[in-house]
Amino acid sequence: MERASAGFRKELVSRLLHLHFRDDRTKVSGDALQLMAELLRIFVVEAAVRGVRQAQAEDMALVDVDQLEKVLPQLLLDF
């Protein structure tokens, strides 16, 4: 069963990208924004899933920052 999940708005993704561009005149196409939004969505979902698995391995009922900090290094390497 596949569940629909919320994505990131193109305006937000555009703003995040432009915060890191050296040239203010840099433009990003709509397709590139859509692709980046999907990548961010997948990254966040994967971080949540790995955080849950880490919490389960530690017999914790809730995921907190500690579990996310433990899975983050490998998550970043995978992306």
PDB file of N, CA and C in Angstrom:
ATOM      1  N   MET A   1       0.843  -1.183   0.000  1.00  0.00           N
ATOM      2  CA  MET A   1       0.000   0.000   0.000  1.00  0.00           C
ATOM      3  C   MET A   1       0.884   1.241   0.000  1.00  0.00           C
ATOM      4  N   GLU A   2       0.731   2.086  -0.981  1.00  0.00           N
ATOM      5  CA  GLU A   2       1.519   3.309  -1.090  1.00  0.00           C
ATOM      6  C   GLU A   2       0.696   4.478  -0.562  1.00  0.00           C
ATOM      7  N   ARG A   3       1.316   5.255   0.318  1.00  0.00           N
ATOM      8  CA  ARG A   3       0.623   6.405   0.898  1.00  0.00           C
ATOM      9  C   ARG A   3       1.104   7.682   0.235  1.00  0.00           C
ATOM     10  N   ALA A   4       0.188   8.581   0.012  1.00  0.00           N
ATOM     11  CA  ALA A   4       0.562   9.882  -0.523  1.00  0.00           C
ATOM     12  C   ALA A   4       1.238  10.681   0.580  1.00  0.00           C
ATOM     13  N   SER A   5       2.253  11.413   0.217  1.00  0.00           N
ATOM     14  CA  SER A   5       2.934  12.221   1.215  1.00  0.00           C
ATOM     15  C   SER A   5       3.124  13.631   0.684  1.00  0.00           C
ATOM     16  N   ALA A   6       3.170  14.562   1.606  1.00  0.00           N
ATOM     17  CA  ALA A   6       3.331  15.960   1.231  1.00  0.00           C
ATOM     18  C   ALA A   6       4.742  16.203   0.725  1.00  0.00           C
ATOM     19  N   GLY A   7       4.872  17.122  -0.177  1.00  0.00           N
ATOM     20  CA  GLY A   7       6.175  17.478  -0.716  1.00  0.00           C
ATOM     21  C   GLY A   7       6.543  18.885  -0.303  1.00  0.00           C
ATOM     22  N   PHE A   8       7.653  19.337  -0.821  1.00  0.00           N
ATOM     23  CA  PHE A   8       8.116  20.691  -0.550  1.00  0.00           C
ATOM     24  C   PHE A   8       7.616  21.607  -1.660  1.00  0.00           C
ATOM     25  N   ARG A   9       7.170  22.791  -1.285  1.00  0.00           N
ATOM     26  CA  ARG A   9       6.710  23.768  -2.282  1.00  0.00           C
ATOM     27  C   ARG A   9       7.899  24.253  -3.102  1.00  0.00           C
ATOM     28  N   LYS A  10       7.649  24.485  -4.378  1.00  0.00           N
ATOM     29  CA  LYS A  10       8.716  24.941  -5.274  1.00  0.00           C
ATOM     30  C   LYS A  10       9.322  26.267  -4.799  1.00  0.00           C
ATOM     31  N   GLU A  11       8.502  27.133  -4.224  1.00  0.00           N
ATOM     32  CA  GLU A  11       9.000  28.423  -3.749  1.00  0.00           C
ATOM     33  C   GLU A  11      10.031  28.230  -2.633  1.00  0.00           C
ATOM     34  N   LEU A  12       9.751  27.280  -1.741  1.00  0.00           N
ATOM     35  CA  LEU A  12      10.672  27.005  -0.649  1.00  0.00           C
ATOM     36  C   LEU A  12      11.979  26.419  -1.172  1.00  0.00           C
ATOM     37  N   VAL A  13      11.878  25.479  -2.087  1.00  0.00           N
ATOM     38  CA  VAL A  13      13.067  24.855  -2.664  1.00  0.00           C
ATOM     39  C   VAL A  13      13.894  25.899  -3.406  1.00  0.00           C
ATOM     40  N   SER A  14      13.230  26.749  -4.144  1.00  0.00           N
ATOM     41  CA  SER A  14      13.931  27.821  -4.864  1.00  0.00           C
ATOM     42  C   SER A  14      14.674  28.734  -3.894  1.00  0.00           C
ATOM     43  N   ARG A  15      14.011  29.102  -2.826  1.00  0.00           N
ATOM     44  CA  ARG A  15      14.631  29.987  -1.823  1.00  0.00           C
ATOM     45  C   ARG A  15      15.842  29.312  -1.179  1.00  0.00           C
ATOM     46  N   LEU A  16      15.711  28.028  -0.835  1.00  0.00           N
ATOM     47  CA  LEU A  16      16.827  27.292  -0.237  1.00  0.00           C
ATOM     48  C   LEU A  16      18.020  27.223  -1.188  1.00  0.00           C
ATOM     49  N   LEU A  17      17.734  26.955  -2.445  1.00  0.00           N
ATOM     50  CA  LEU A  17      18.821  26.892  -3.431  1.00  0.00           C
ATOM     51  C   LEU A  17      19.492  28.242  -3.605  1.00  0.00           C
ATOM     52  N   HIS A  18      18.683  29.287  -3.721  1.00  0.00           N
ATOM     53  CA  HIS A  18      19.247  30.624  -3.951  1.00  0.00           C
ATOM     54  C   HIS A  18      20.044  31.141  -2.762  1.00  0.00           C
ATOM     55  N   LEU A  19      19.786  30.625  -1.577  1.00  0.00           N
ATOM     56  CA  LEU A  19      20.586  31.034  -0.418  1.00  0.00           C
ATOM     57  C   LEU A  19      22.047  30.625  -0.571  1.00  0.00           C
ATOM     58  N   HIS A  20      22.292  29.607  -1.418  1.00  0.00           N
ATOM     59  CA  HIS A  20      23.646  29.082  -1.564  1.00  0.00           C
ATOM     60  C   HIS A  20      24.304  29.401  -2.898  1.00  0.00           C
ATOM     61  N   PHE A  21      23.612  30.116  -3.760  1.00  0.00           N
ATOM     62  CA  PHE A  21      24.204  30.517  -5.036  1.00  0.00           C
ATOM     63  C   PHE A  21      25.089  31.736  -4.823  1.00  0.00           C
ATOM     64  N   ARG A  22      26.197  31.765  -5.517  1.00  0.00           N
ATOM     65  CA  ARG A  22      27.096  32.931  -5.416  1.00  0.00           C
ATOM     66  C   ARG A  22      26.580  34.096  -6.249  1.00  0.00           C
ATOM     67  N   ASP A  23      25.953  33.779  -7.366  1.00  0.00           N
ATOM     68  CA  ASP A  23      25.452  34.806  -8.271  1.00  0.00           C
ATOM     69  C   ASP A  23      23.936  34.905  -8.118  1.00  0.00           C
ATOM     70  N   ASP A  24      23.463  36.077  -7.717  1.00  0.00           N
ATOM     71  CA  ASP A  24      22.031  36.281  -7.499  1.00  0.00           C
ATOM     72  C   ASP A  24      21.207  36.120  -8.781  1.00  0.00           C
ATOM     73  N   ARG A  25      21.868  36.196  -9.921  1.00  0.00           N
ATOM     74  CA  ARG A  25      21.150  36.088 -11.196  1.00  0.00           C
ATOM     75  C   ARG A  25      20.969  34.639 -11.644  1.00  0.00           C
ATOM     76  N   THR A  26      21.485  33.690 -10.869  1.00  0.00           N
ATOM     77  CA  THR A  26      21.349  32.273 -11.233  1.00  0.00           C
ATOM     78  C   THR A  26      19.877  31.885 -11.247  1.00  0.00           C
ATOM     79  N   LYS A  27      19.482  31.197 -12.292  1.00  0.00           N
ATOM     80  CA  LYS A  27      18.088  30.772 -12.432  1.00  0.00           C
ATOM     81  C   LYS A  27      18.019  29.254 -12.358  1.00  0.00           C
ATOM     82  N   VAL A  28      16.885  28.762 -11.879  1.00  0.00           N
ATOM     83  CA  VAL A  28      16.643  27.328 -11.773  1.00  0.00           C
ATOM     84  C   VAL A  28      15.355  27.021 -12.525  1.00  0.00           C
ATOM     85  N   SER A  29      15.411  26.039 -13.403  1.00  0.00           N
ATOM     86  CA  SER A  29      14.221  25.701 -14.189  1.00  0.00           C
ATOM     87  C   SER A  29      13.168  25.030 -13.307  1.00  0.00           C
ATOM     88  N   GLY A  30      11.960  25.029 -13.785  1.00  0.00           N
ATOM     89  CA  GLY A  30      10.861  24.382 -13.064  1.00  0.00           C
ATOM     90  C   GLY A  30      11.098  22.897 -12.879  1.00  0.00           C
ATOM     91  N   ASP A  31      11.671  22.246 -13.908  1.00  0.00           N
ATOM     92  CA  ASP A  31      11.965  20.818 -13.797  1.00  0.00           C
ATOM     93  C   ASP A  31      13.022  20.558 -12.726  1.00  0.00           C
ATOM     94  N   ALA A  32      14.032  21.428 -12.669  1.00  0.00           N
ATOM     95  CA  ALA A  32      15.078  21.269 -11.655  1.00  0.00           C
ATOM     96  C   ALA A  32      14.506  21.471 -10.258  1.00  0.00           C
ATOM     97  N   LEU A  33      13.609  22.420 -10.099  1.00  0.00           N
ATOM     98  CA  LEU A  33      12.969  22.640  -8.798  1.00  0.00           C
ATOM     99  C   LEU A  33      12.127  21.436  -8.397  1.00  0.00           C
ATOM    100  N   GLN A  34      11.408  20.883  -9.343  1.00  0.00           N
ATOM    101  CA  GLN A  34      10.573  19.712  -9.059  1.00  0.00           C
ATOM    102  C   GLN A  34      11.445  18.524  -8.663  1.00  0.00           C
ATOM    103  N   LEU A  35      12.541  18.337  -9.357  1.00  0.00           N
ATOM    104  CA  LEU A  35      13.453  17.244  -9.054  1.00  0.00           C
ATOM    105  C   LEU A  35      14.087  17.428  -7.675  1.00  0.00           C
ATOM    106  N   MET A  36      14.504  18.641  -7.360  1.00  0.00           N
ATOM    107  CA  MET A  36      15.107  18.922  -6.056  1.00  0.00           C
ATOM    108  C   MET A  36      14.083  18.746  -4.932  1.00  0.00           C
ATOM    109  N   ALA A  37      12.855  19.148  -5.163  1.00  0.00           N
ATOM    110  CA  ALA A  37      11.794  18.975  -4.162  1.00  0.00           C
ATOM    111  C   ALA A  37      11.564  17.491  -3.886  1.00  0.00           C
ATOM    112  N   GLU A  38      11.588  16.680  -4.935  1.00  0.00           N
ATOM    113  CA  GLU A  38      11.408  15.234  -4.755  1.00  0.00           C
ATOM    114  C   GLU A  38      12.596  14.633  -4.011  1.00  0.00           C
ATOM    115  N   LEU A  39      13.795  15.081  -4.312  1.00  0.00           N
ATOM    116  CA  LEU A  39      14.986  14.594  -3.606  1.00  0.00           C
ATOM    117  C   LEU A  39      14.914  14.951  -2.120  1.00  0.00           C
ATOM    118  N   LEU A  40      14.508  16.166  -1.813  1.00  0.00           N
ATOM    119  CA  LEU A  40      14.359  16.574  -0.411  1.00  0.00           C
ATOM    120  C   LEU A  40      13.296  15.742   0.300  1.00  0.00           C
ATOM    121  N   ARG A  41      12.193  15.473  -0.391  1.00  0.00           N
ATOM    122  CA  ARG A  41      11.133  14.664   0.200  1.00  0.00           C
ATOM    123  C   ARG A  41      11.630  13.261   0.519  1.00  0.00           C
ATOM    124  N   ILE A  42      12.331  12.663  -0.416  1.00  0.00           N
ATOM    125  CA  ILE A  42      12.873  11.318  -0.205  1.00  0.00           C
ATOM    126  C   ILE A  42      13.878  11.319   0.936  1.00  0.00           C
ATOM    127  N   PHE A  43      14.716  12.332   1.003  1.00  0.00           N
ATOM    128  CA  PHE A  43      15.718  12.434   2.065  1.00  0.00           C
ATOM    129  C   PHE A  43      15.047  12.509   3.437  1.00  0.00           C
ATOM    130  N   VAL A  44      14.029  13.335   3.557  1.00  0.00           N
ATOM    131  CA  VAL A  44      13.330  13.502   4.839  1.00  0.00           C
ATOM    132  C   VAL A  44      12.607  12.223   5.243  1.00  0.00           C
ATOM    133  N   VAL A  45      11.951  11.575   4.295  1.00  0.00           N
ATOM    134  CA  VAL A  45      11.257  10.318   4.594  1.00  0.00           C
ATOM    135  C   VAL A  45      12.263   9.258   5.031  1.00  0.00           C
ATOM    136  N   GLU A  46      13.376   9.160   4.331  1.00  0.00           N
ATOM    137  CA  GLU A  46      14.401   8.173   4.682  1.00  0.00           C
ATOM    138  C   GLU A  46      14.991   8.465   6.063  1.00  0.00           C
ATOM    139  N   ALA A  47      15.213   9.732   6.382  1.00  0.00           N
ATOM    140  CA  ALA A  47      15.712  10.089   7.712  1.00  0.00           C
ATOM    141  C   ALA A  47      14.718   9.666   8.788  1.00  0.00           C
ATOM    142  N   ALA A  48      13.437   9.873   8.531  1.00  0.00           N
ATOM    143  CA  ALA A  48      12.412   9.486   9.499  1.00  0.00           C
ATOM    144  C   ALA A  48      12.377   7.973   9.687  1.00  0.00           C
ATOM    145  N   VAL A  49      12.422   7.237   8.594  1.00  0.00           N
ATOM    146  CA  VAL A  49      12.383   5.770   8.675  1.00  0.00           C
ATOM    147  C   VAL A  49      13.594   5.248   9.441  1.00  0.00           C
ATOM    148  N   ARG A  50      14.766   5.767   9.118  1.00  0.00           N
ATOM    149  CA  ARG A  50      15.973   5.309   9.814  1.00  0.00           C
ATOM    150  C   ARG A  50      15.945   5.706  11.286  1.00  0.00           C
ATOM    151  N   GLY A  51      15.396   6.865  11.579  1.00  0.00           N
ATOM    152  CA  GLY A  51      15.255   7.279  12.972  1.00  0.00           C
ATOM    153  C   GLY A  51      14.348   6.340  13.748  1.00  0.00           C
ATOM    154  N   VAL A  52      13.251   5.928  13.120  1.00  0.00           N
ATOM    155  CA  VAL A  52      12.323   4.980  13.757  1.00  0.00           C
ATOM    156  C   VAL A  52      13.018   3.652  14.009  1.00  0.00           C
ATOM    157  N   ARG A  53      13.736   3.157  13.015  1.00  0.00           N
ATOM    158  CA  ARG A  53      14.450   1.883  13.193  1.00  0.00           C
ATOM    159  C   ARG A  53      15.478   1.972  14.314  1.00  0.00           C
ATOM    160  N   GLN A  54      16.171   3.092  14.403  1.00  0.00           N
ATOM    161  CA  GLN A  54      17.159   3.277  15.470  1.00  0.00           C
ATOM    162  C   GLN A  54      16.468   3.304  16.826  1.00  0.00           C
ATOM    163  N   ALA A  55      15.351   3.999  16.917  1.00  0.00           N
ATOM    164  CA  ALA A  55      14.608   4.055  18.170  1.00  0.00           C
ATOM    165  C   ALA A  55      14.111   2.661  18.565  1.00  0.00           C
ATOM    166  N   GLN A  56      13.632   1.901  17.598  1.00  0.00           N
ATOM    167  CA  GLN A  56      13.183   0.541  17.883  1.00  0.00           C
ATOM    168  C   GLN A  56      14.339  -0.322  18.381  1.00  0.00           C
ATOM    169  N   ALA A  57      15.511  -0.163  17.786  1.00  0.00           N
ATOM    170  CA  ALA A  57      16.686  -0.935  18.200  1.00  0.00           C
ATOM    171  C   ALA A  57      17.093  -0.594  19.631  1.00  0.00           C
ATOM    172  N   GLU A  58      16.766   0.615  20.061  1.00  0.00           N
ATOM    173  CA  GLU A  58      17.089   1.067  21.418  1.00  0.00           C
ATOM    174  C   GLU A  58      15.902   0.888  22.369  1.00  0.00           C
ATOM    175  N   ASP A  59      14.849   0.210  21.925  1.00  0.00           N
ATOM    176  CA  ASP A  59      13.630   0.011  22.708  1.00  0.00           C
ATOM    177  C   ASP A  59      13.025   1.326  23.189  1.00  0.00           C
ATOM    178  N   MET A  60      13.031   2.299  22.302  1.00  0.00           N
ATOM    179  CA  MET A  60      12.439   3.604  22.605  1.00  0.00           C
ATOM    180  C   MET A  60      11.082   3.689  21.917  1.00  0.00           C
ATOM    181  N   ALA A  61      10.137   4.347  22.573  1.00  0.00           N
ATOM    182  CA  ALA A  61       8.794   4.500  22.001  1.00  0.00           C
ATOM    183  C   ALA A  61       8.717   5.694  21.052  1.00  0.00           C
ATOM    184  N   LEU A  62       9.595   6.674  21.236  1.00  0.00           N
ATOM    185  CA  LEU A  62       9.589   7.882  20.416  1.00  0.00           C
ATOM    186  C   LEU A  62      10.962   8.127  19.818  1.00  0.00           C
ATOM    187  N   VAL A  63      10.972   8.748  18.653  1.00  0.00           N
ATOM    188  CA  VAL A  63      12.220   9.150  18.013  1.00  0.00           C
ATOM    189  C   VAL A  63      12.542  10.553  18.495  1.00  0.00           C
ATOM    190  N   ASP A  64      13.780  10.748  18.920  1.00  0.00           N
ATOM    191  CA  ASP A  64      14.199  12.106  19.272  1.00  0.00           C
ATOM    192  C   ASP A  64      15.490  12.438  18.530  1.00  0.00           C
ATOM    193  N   VAL A  65      16.063  13.552  18.836  1.00  0.00           N
ATOM    194  CA  VAL A  65      17.250  14.028  18.141  1.00  0.00           C
ATOM    195  C   VAL A  65      18.402  13.032  18.243  1.00  0.00           C
ATOM    196  N   ASP A  66      18.510  12.336  19.353  1.00  0.00           N
ATOM    197  CA  ASP A  66      19.602  11.376  19.526  1.00  0.00           C
ATOM    198  C   ASP A  66      19.590  10.300  18.445  1.00  0.00           C
ATOM    199  N   GLN A  67      18.425   9.763  18.131  1.00  0.00           N
ATOM    200  CA  GLN A  67      18.345   8.733  17.100  1.00  0.00           C
ATOM    201  C   GLN A  67      18.681   9.298  15.726  1.00  0.00           C
ATOM    202  N   LEU A  68      18.205  10.494  15.453  1.00  0.00           N
ATOM    203  CA  LEU A  68      18.509  11.112  14.162  1.00  0.00           C
ATOM    204  C   LEU A  68      20.001  11.409  14.029  1.00  0.00           C
ATOM    205  N   GLU A  69      20.626  11.841  15.118  1.00  0.00           N
ATOM    206  CA  GLU A  69      22.068  12.094  15.084  1.00  0.00           C
ATOM    207  C   GLU A  69      22.855  10.812  14.828  1.00  0.00           C
ATOM    208  N   LYS A  70      22.345   9.702  15.297  1.00  0.00           N
ATOM    209  CA  LYS A  70      23.039   8.428  15.100  1.00  0.00           C
ATOM    210  C   LYS A  70      22.938   7.932  13.659  1.00  0.00           C
ATOM    211  N   VAL A  71      21.821   8.206  12.993  1.00  0.00           N
ATOM    212  CA  VAL A  71      21.652   7.718  11.624  1.00  0.00           C
ATOM    213  C   VAL A  71      22.125   8.718  10.566  1.00  0.00           C
ATOM    214  N   LEU A  72      22.323   9.954  10.949  1.00  0.00           N
ATOM    215  CA  LEU A  72      22.662  11.004   9.986  1.00  0.00           C
ATOM    216  C   LEU A  72      23.960  10.757   9.216  1.00  0.00           C
ATOM    217  N   PRO A  73      25.057  10.330   9.853  1.00  0.00           N
ATOM    218  CA  PRO A  73      26.293  10.143   9.068  1.00  0.00           C
ATOM    219  C   PRO A  73      26.111   9.157   7.900  1.00  0.00           C
ATOM    220  N   GLN A  74      25.516   8.016   8.158  1.00  0.00           N
ATOM    221  CA  GLN A  74      25.318   7.035   7.080  1.00  0.00           C
ATOM    222  C   GLN A  74      24.312   7.549   6.059  1.00  0.00           C
ATOM    223  N   LEU A  75      23.288   8.243   6.516  1.00  0.00           N
ATOM    224  CA  LEU A  75      22.295   8.805   5.599  1.00  0.00           C
ATOM    225  C   LEU A  75      22.954   9.777   4.626  1.00  0.00           C
ATOM    226  N   LEU A  76      23.809  10.640   5.135  1.00  0.00           N
ATOM    227  CA  LEU A  76      24.499  11.601   4.274  1.00  0.00           C
ATOM    228  C   LEU A  76      25.416  10.906   3.284  1.00  0.00           C
ATOM    229  N   LEU A  77      26.067   9.833   3.722  1.00  0.00           N
ATOM    230  CA  LEU A  77      26.926   9.073   2.803  1.00  0.00           C
ATOM    231  C   LEU A  77      26.093   8.402   1.706  1.00  0.00           C
ATOM    232  N   ASP A  78      24.917   7.950   2.048  1.00  0.00           N
ATOM    233  CA  ASP A  78      24.051   7.281   1.072  1.00  0.00           C
ATOM    234  C   ASP A  78      23.475   8.255   0.051  1.00  0.00           C
ATOM    235  N   PHE A  79      23.354   9.517   0.406  1.00  0.00           N
ATOM    236  CA  PHE A  79      22.809  10.497  -0.518  1.00  0.00           C
ATOM    237  C   PHE A  79      23.931  11.273  -1.158  1.00  0.00           C
TER     238      PHE A  79
END
